[in-house]
């Protein structure tokens, strides 16, 4: 499982260094192959290829004539791009994906279980601040039993 936030710099060519603490696990899961795609929150999702294959099969199983299913397939699978970890532990993010997520220089690399989210640092900070003040999150925590969780 991947967890935590690491702020990294995107270089002028669009290369992003994978935080070293994740590299060994990623290589064990999928070698150097990863898949990056868009997310509705205007960040990028980064998966080990082995995890992405599971998700892609689920998308392929959706009803072909359902317009919502097709929209989801276009969004996530249609924008998916395979990337390789190079010898220096970096991936090259395609221009259209960097533009989609407004990635410029400082990037938040966020571990979320079997995947990562890649955010512009300021967008990540704003999203975190908004979540701290979101009453719906507090309600969900209470309803799901997390309200009694001691952190």
C-alpha atoms as a PDB file:
ATOM      1  CA  UNK A   1       0.000   0.000   0.000  1.00  0.00           C
ATOM      2  CA  UNK A   2       1.166   3.488  -0.842  1.00  0.00           C
ATOM      3  CA  UNK A   3       0.524   6.370   1.533  1.00  0.00           C
ATOM      4  CA  UNK A   4       1.706   9.854   2.310  1.00  0.00           C
ATOM      5  CA  UNK A   5       2.465  13.068   0.448  1.00  0.00           C
ATOM      6  CA  UNK A   6       5.814  13.987  -1.049  1.00  0.00           C
ATOM      7  CA  UNK A   7       6.423  17.299  -2.779  1.00  0.00           C
ATOM      8  CA  UNK A   8       8.662  16.893  -5.823  1.00  0.00           C
ATOM      9  CA  UNK A   9       9.792  19.111  -8.661  1.00  0.00           C
ATOM     10  CA  UNK A  10       8.745  18.609 -12.241  1.00  0.00           C
ATOM     11  CA  UNK A  11      11.688  19.373 -14.512  1.00  0.00           C
ATOM     12  CA  UNK A  12      11.514  21.527 -17.657  1.00  0.00           C
ATOM     13  CA  UNK A  13      11.035  18.433 -19.855  1.00  0.00           C
ATOM     14  CA  UNK A  14       8.067  17.193 -17.826  1.00  0.00           C
ATOM     15  CA  UNK A  15       9.931  14.482 -15.929  1.00  0.00           C
ATOM     16  CA  UNK A  16       8.821  13.644 -12.425  1.00  0.00           C
ATOM     17  CA  UNK A  17      11.053  11.787  -9.982  1.00  0.00           C
ATOM     18  CA  UNK A  18       9.222   8.940  -8.268  1.00  0.00           C
ATOM     19  CA  UNK A  19       9.926   9.312  -4.533  1.00  0.00           C
ATOM     20  CA  UNK A  20      12.602   6.775  -3.652  1.00  0.00           C
ATOM     21  CA  UNK A  21      10.543   5.232  -0.842  1.00  0.00           C
ATOM     22  CA  UNK A  22       8.072   3.884  -3.456  1.00  0.00           C
ATOM     23  CA  UNK A  23      10.419   2.716  -6.201  1.00  0.00           C
ATOM     24  CA  UNK A  24      11.230  -0.735  -4.871  1.00  0.00           C
ATOM     25  CA  UNK A  25       7.568  -1.630  -4.300  1.00  0.00           C
ATOM     26  CA  UNK A  26       6.571  -0.299  -7.709  1.00  0.00           C
ATOM     27  CA  UNK A  27       9.276  -2.323  -9.429  1.00  0.00           C
ATOM     28  CA  UNK A  28       8.186  -5.458  -7.549  1.00  0.00           C
ATOM     29  CA  UNK A  29       4.591  -4.907  -8.696  1.00  0.00           C
ATOM     30  CA  UNK A  30       5.075  -3.930 -12.336  1.00  0.00           C
ATOM     31  CA  UNK A  31       8.724  -3.583 -13.179  1.00  0.00           C
ATOM     32  CA  UNK A  32       9.209  -0.114 -14.610  1.00  0.00           C
ATOM     33  CA  UNK A  33       5.759   0.121 -16.240  1.00  0.00           C
ATOM     34  CA  UNK A  34       3.170   2.530 -14.859  1.00  0.00           C
ATOM     35  CA  UNK A  35      -0.059   3.950 -16.249  1.00  0.00           C
ATOM     36  CA  UNK A  36      -1.104   7.568 -15.780  1.00  0.00           C
ATOM     37  CA  UNK A  37      -4.539   8.980 -16.546  1.00  0.00           C
ATOM     38  CA  UNK A  38      -6.800  11.909 -15.693  1.00  0.00           C
ATOM     39  CA  UNK A  39      -9.173  12.227 -12.765  1.00  0.00           C
ATOM     40  CA  UNK A  40     -12.359  14.248 -12.466  1.00  0.00           C
ATOM     41  CA  UNK A  41     -10.735  16.295  -9.666  1.00  0.00           C
ATOM     42  CA  UNK A  42      -8.236  17.721 -12.196  1.00  0.00           C
ATOM     43  CA  UNK A  43      -5.321  15.727 -10.887  1.00  0.00           C
ATOM     44  CA  UNK A  44      -3.617  12.714 -12.441  1.00  0.00           C
ATOM     45  CA  UNK A  45      -3.875   9.117 -11.296  1.00  0.00           C
ATOM     46  CA  UNK A  46      -0.773   6.938 -11.442  1.00  0.00           C
ATOM     47  CA  UNK A  47      -1.035   3.148 -11.193  1.00  0.00           C
ATOM     48  CA  UNK A  48       1.403   0.261 -11.303  1.00  0.00           C
ATOM     49  CA  UNK A  49       0.556  -1.414 -14.610  1.00  0.00           C
ATOM     50  CA  UNK A  50      -0.592  -4.585 -12.828  1.00  0.00           C
ATOM     51  CA  UNK A  51      -3.205  -2.597 -10.838  1.00  0.00           C
ATOM     52  CA  UNK A  52      -4.294  -0.631 -13.910  1.00  0.00           C
ATOM     53  CA  UNK A  53      -4.925  -3.881 -15.807  1.00  0.00           C
ATOM     54  CA  UNK A  54      -7.538  -4.839 -13.193  1.00  0.00           C
ATOM     55  CA  UNK A  55      -9.291  -1.481 -13.546  1.00  0.00           C
ATOM     56  CA  UNK A  56      -9.143  -1.538 -17.333  1.00  0.00           C
ATOM     57  CA  UNK A  57     -10.850  -4.951 -17.378  1.00  0.00           C
ATOM     58  CA  UNK A  58     -13.651  -3.505 -15.234  1.00  0.00           C
ATOM     59  CA  UNK A  59     -14.078  -0.631 -17.691  1.00  0.00           C
ATOM     60  CA  UNK A  60     -14.141  -3.099 -20.591  1.00  0.00           C
ATOM     61  CA  UNK A  61     -16.926  -5.062 -18.878  1.00  0.00           C
ATOM     62  CA  UNK A  62     -19.256  -2.038 -18.742  1.00  0.00           C
ATOM     63  CA  UNK A  63     -22.247  -2.075 -21.135  1.00  0.00           C
ATOM     64  CA  UNK A  64     -21.069  -0.833 -24.530  1.00  0.00           C
ATOM     65  CA  UNK A  65     -24.332   0.956 -25.337  1.00  0.00           C
ATOM     66  CA  UNK A  66     -24.658   2.795 -22.038  1.00  0.00           C
ATOM     67  CA  UNK A  67     -23.685   6.461 -22.615  1.00  0.00           C
ATOM     68  CA  UNK A  68     -22.443   6.959 -19.045  1.00  0.00           C
ATOM     69  CA  UNK A  69     -20.264   3.851 -19.246  1.00  0.00           C
ATOM     70  CA  UNK A  70     -18.819   5.035 -22.544  1.00  0.00           C
ATOM     71  CA  UNK A  71     -18.131   8.488 -21.100  1.00  0.00           C
ATOM     72  CA  UNK A  72     -16.232   6.895 -18.209  1.00  0.00           C
ATOM     73  CA  UNK A  73     -14.261   4.687 -20.604  1.00  0.00           C
ATOM     74  CA  UNK A  74     -13.340   7.685 -22.742  1.00  0.00           C
ATOM     75  CA  UNK A  75     -12.313   9.739 -19.724  1.00  0.00           C
ATOM     76  CA  UNK A  76     -10.185   7.193 -17.903  1.00  0.00           C
ATOM     77  CA  UNK A  77      -9.084   4.626 -20.490  1.00  0.00           C
ATOM     78  CA  UNK A  78      -9.017   7.064 -23.400  1.00  0.00           C
ATOM     79  CA  UNK A  79      -6.626   9.355 -21.525  1.00  0.00           C
ATOM     80  CA  UNK A  80      -4.494   6.561 -20.056  1.00  0.00           C
ATOM     81  CA  UNK A  81      -0.854   6.628 -21.037  1.00  0.00           C
ATOM     82  CA  UNK A  82       1.838   4.056 -20.297  1.00  0.00           C
ATOM     83  CA  UNK A  83       4.998   5.520 -18.815  1.00  0.00           C
ATOM     84  CA  UNK A  84       8.283   3.898 -17.859  1.00  0.00           C
ATOM     85  CA  UNK A  85      10.479   4.604 -14.863  1.00  0.00           C
ATOM     86  CA  UNK A  86      13.885   5.547 -16.269  1.00  0.00           C
ATOM     87  CA  UNK A  87      17.294   4.692 -14.797  1.00  0.00           C
ATOM     88  CA  UNK A  88      17.161   7.839 -12.621  1.00  0.00           C
ATOM     89  CA  UNK A  89      13.749   6.876 -11.173  1.00  0.00           C
ATOM     90  CA  UNK A  90      11.761   9.412 -13.211  1.00  0.00           C
ATOM     91  CA  UNK A  91       8.704   9.240 -15.428  1.00  0.00           C
ATOM     92  CA  UNK A  92       7.937  11.539 -18.338  1.00  0.00           C
ATOM     93  CA  UNK A  93       4.431  12.955 -18.022  1.00  0.00           C
ATOM     94  CA  UNK A  94       2.880  13.684 -21.436  1.00  0.00           C
ATOM     95  CA  UNK A  95       2.224  17.361 -22.164  1.00  0.00           C
ATOM     96  CA  UNK A  96      -1.558  16.974 -22.491  1.00  0.00           C
ATOM     97  CA  UNK A  97      -1.754  15.338 -19.055  1.00  0.00           C
ATOM     98  CA  UNK A  98       0.462  17.987 -17.440  1.00  0.00           C
ATOM     99  CA  UNK A  99      -1.767  20.672 -18.939  1.00  0.00           C
ATOM    100  CA  UNK A 100      -4.934  18.886 -17.813  1.00  0.00           C
ATOM    101  CA  UNK A 101      -3.762  18.895 -14.170  1.00  0.00           C
ATOM    102  CA  UNK A 102      -2.093  22.347 -14.428  1.00  0.00           C
ATOM    103  CA  UNK A 103       1.238  20.871 -13.375  1.00  0.00           C
ATOM    104  CA  UNK A 104       4.014  23.396 -13.531  1.00  0.00           C
ATOM    105  CA  UNK A 105       6.941  23.018 -11.147  1.00  0.00           C
ATOM    106  CA  UNK A 106       6.047  21.829  -7.646  1.00  0.00           C
ATOM    107  CA  UNK A 107       3.970  18.673  -7.559  1.00  0.00           C
ATOM    108  CA  UNK A 108       2.299  16.763  -4.713  1.00  0.00           C
ATOM    109  CA  UNK A 109       2.799  13.018  -5.119  1.00  0.00           C
ATOM    110  CA  UNK A 110       0.063  11.442  -2.963  1.00  0.00           C
ATOM    111  CA  UNK A 111      -0.028   7.730  -2.077  1.00  0.00           C
ATOM    112  CA  UNK A 112      -3.578   6.350  -1.878  1.00  0.00           C
ATOM    113  CA  UNK A 113      -3.413   2.607  -1.394  1.00  0.00           C
ATOM    114  CA  UNK A 114      -2.739   0.947  -4.763  1.00  0.00           C
ATOM    115  CA  UNK A 115      -2.395   4.203  -6.705  1.00  0.00           C
ATOM    116  CA  UNK A 116      -1.059   7.729  -6.524  1.00  0.00           C
ATOM    117  CA  UNK A 117      -2.604  11.082  -7.222  1.00  0.00           C
ATOM    118  CA  UNK A 118      -0.411  13.733  -8.791  1.00  0.00           C
ATOM    119  CA  UNK A 119      -1.449  17.313  -8.007  1.00  0.00           C
ATOM    120  CA  UNK A 120      -0.148  20.793  -8.564  1.00  0.00           C
ATOM    121  CA  UNK A 121       1.140  21.653  -5.075  1.00  0.00           C
ATOM    122  CA  UNK A 122      -1.085  24.712  -4.611  1.00  0.00           C
ATOM    123  CA  UNK A 123      -4.172  22.808  -5.823  1.00  0.00           C
ATOM    124  CA  UNK A 124      -3.351  19.994  -3.370  1.00  0.00           C
ATOM    125  CA  UNK A 125      -3.018  22.446  -0.479  1.00  0.00           C
ATOM    126  CA  UNK A 126      -6.326  24.109  -1.402  1.00  0.00           C
ATOM    127  CA  UNK A 127      -8.067  20.717  -1.659  1.00  0.00           C
ATOM    128  CA  UNK A 128      -6.691  19.684   1.741  1.00  0.00           C
ATOM    129  CA  UNK A 129      -7.844  22.924   3.340  1.00  0.00           C
ATOM    130  CA  UNK A 130     -11.317  22.531   1.825  1.00  0.00           C
ATOM    131  CA  UNK A 131     -11.561  18.960   3.165  1.00  0.00           C
ATOM    132  CA  UNK A 132     -10.715  20.146   6.669  1.00  0.00           C
ATOM    133  CA  UNK A 133     -13.764  22.415   6.565  1.00  0.00           C
ATOM    134  CA  UNK A 134     -16.156  20.107   4.699  1.00  0.00           C
ATOM    135  CA  UNK A 135     -19.177  19.223   6.817  1.00  0.00           C
ATOM    136  CA  UNK A 136     -20.123  16.370   4.463  1.00  0.00           C
ATOM    137  CA  UNK A 137     -16.860  14.615   5.368  1.00  0.00           C
ATOM    138  CA  UNK A 138     -17.700  14.919   9.062  1.00  0.00           C
ATOM    139  CA  UNK A 139     -21.172  13.490   8.426  1.00  0.00           C
ATOM    140  CA  UNK A 140     -19.784  10.597   6.380  1.00  0.00           C
ATOM    141  CA  UNK A 141     -17.278   9.834   9.128  1.00  0.00           C
ATOM    142  CA  UNK A 142     -20.060   9.635  11.673  1.00  0.00           C
ATOM    143  CA  UNK A 143     -22.370   7.540   9.461  1.00  0.00           C
ATOM    144  CA  UNK A 144     -19.652   5.073   8.489  1.00  0.00           C
ATOM    145  CA  UNK A 145     -18.448   4.466  12.015  1.00  0.00           C
ATOM    146  CA  UNK A 146     -15.273   6.504  11.617  1.00  0.00           C
ATOM    147  CA  UNK A 147     -16.712   9.058  14.025  1.00  0.00           C
ATOM    148  CA  UNK A 148     -15.630   6.836  16.928  1.00  0.00           C
ATOM    149  CA  UNK A 149     -12.174   6.177  15.466  1.00  0.00           C
ATOM    150  CA  UNK A 150      -9.345   7.539  17.568  1.00  0.00           C
ATOM    151  CA  UNK A 151      -6.547   8.990  15.476  1.00  0.00           C
END
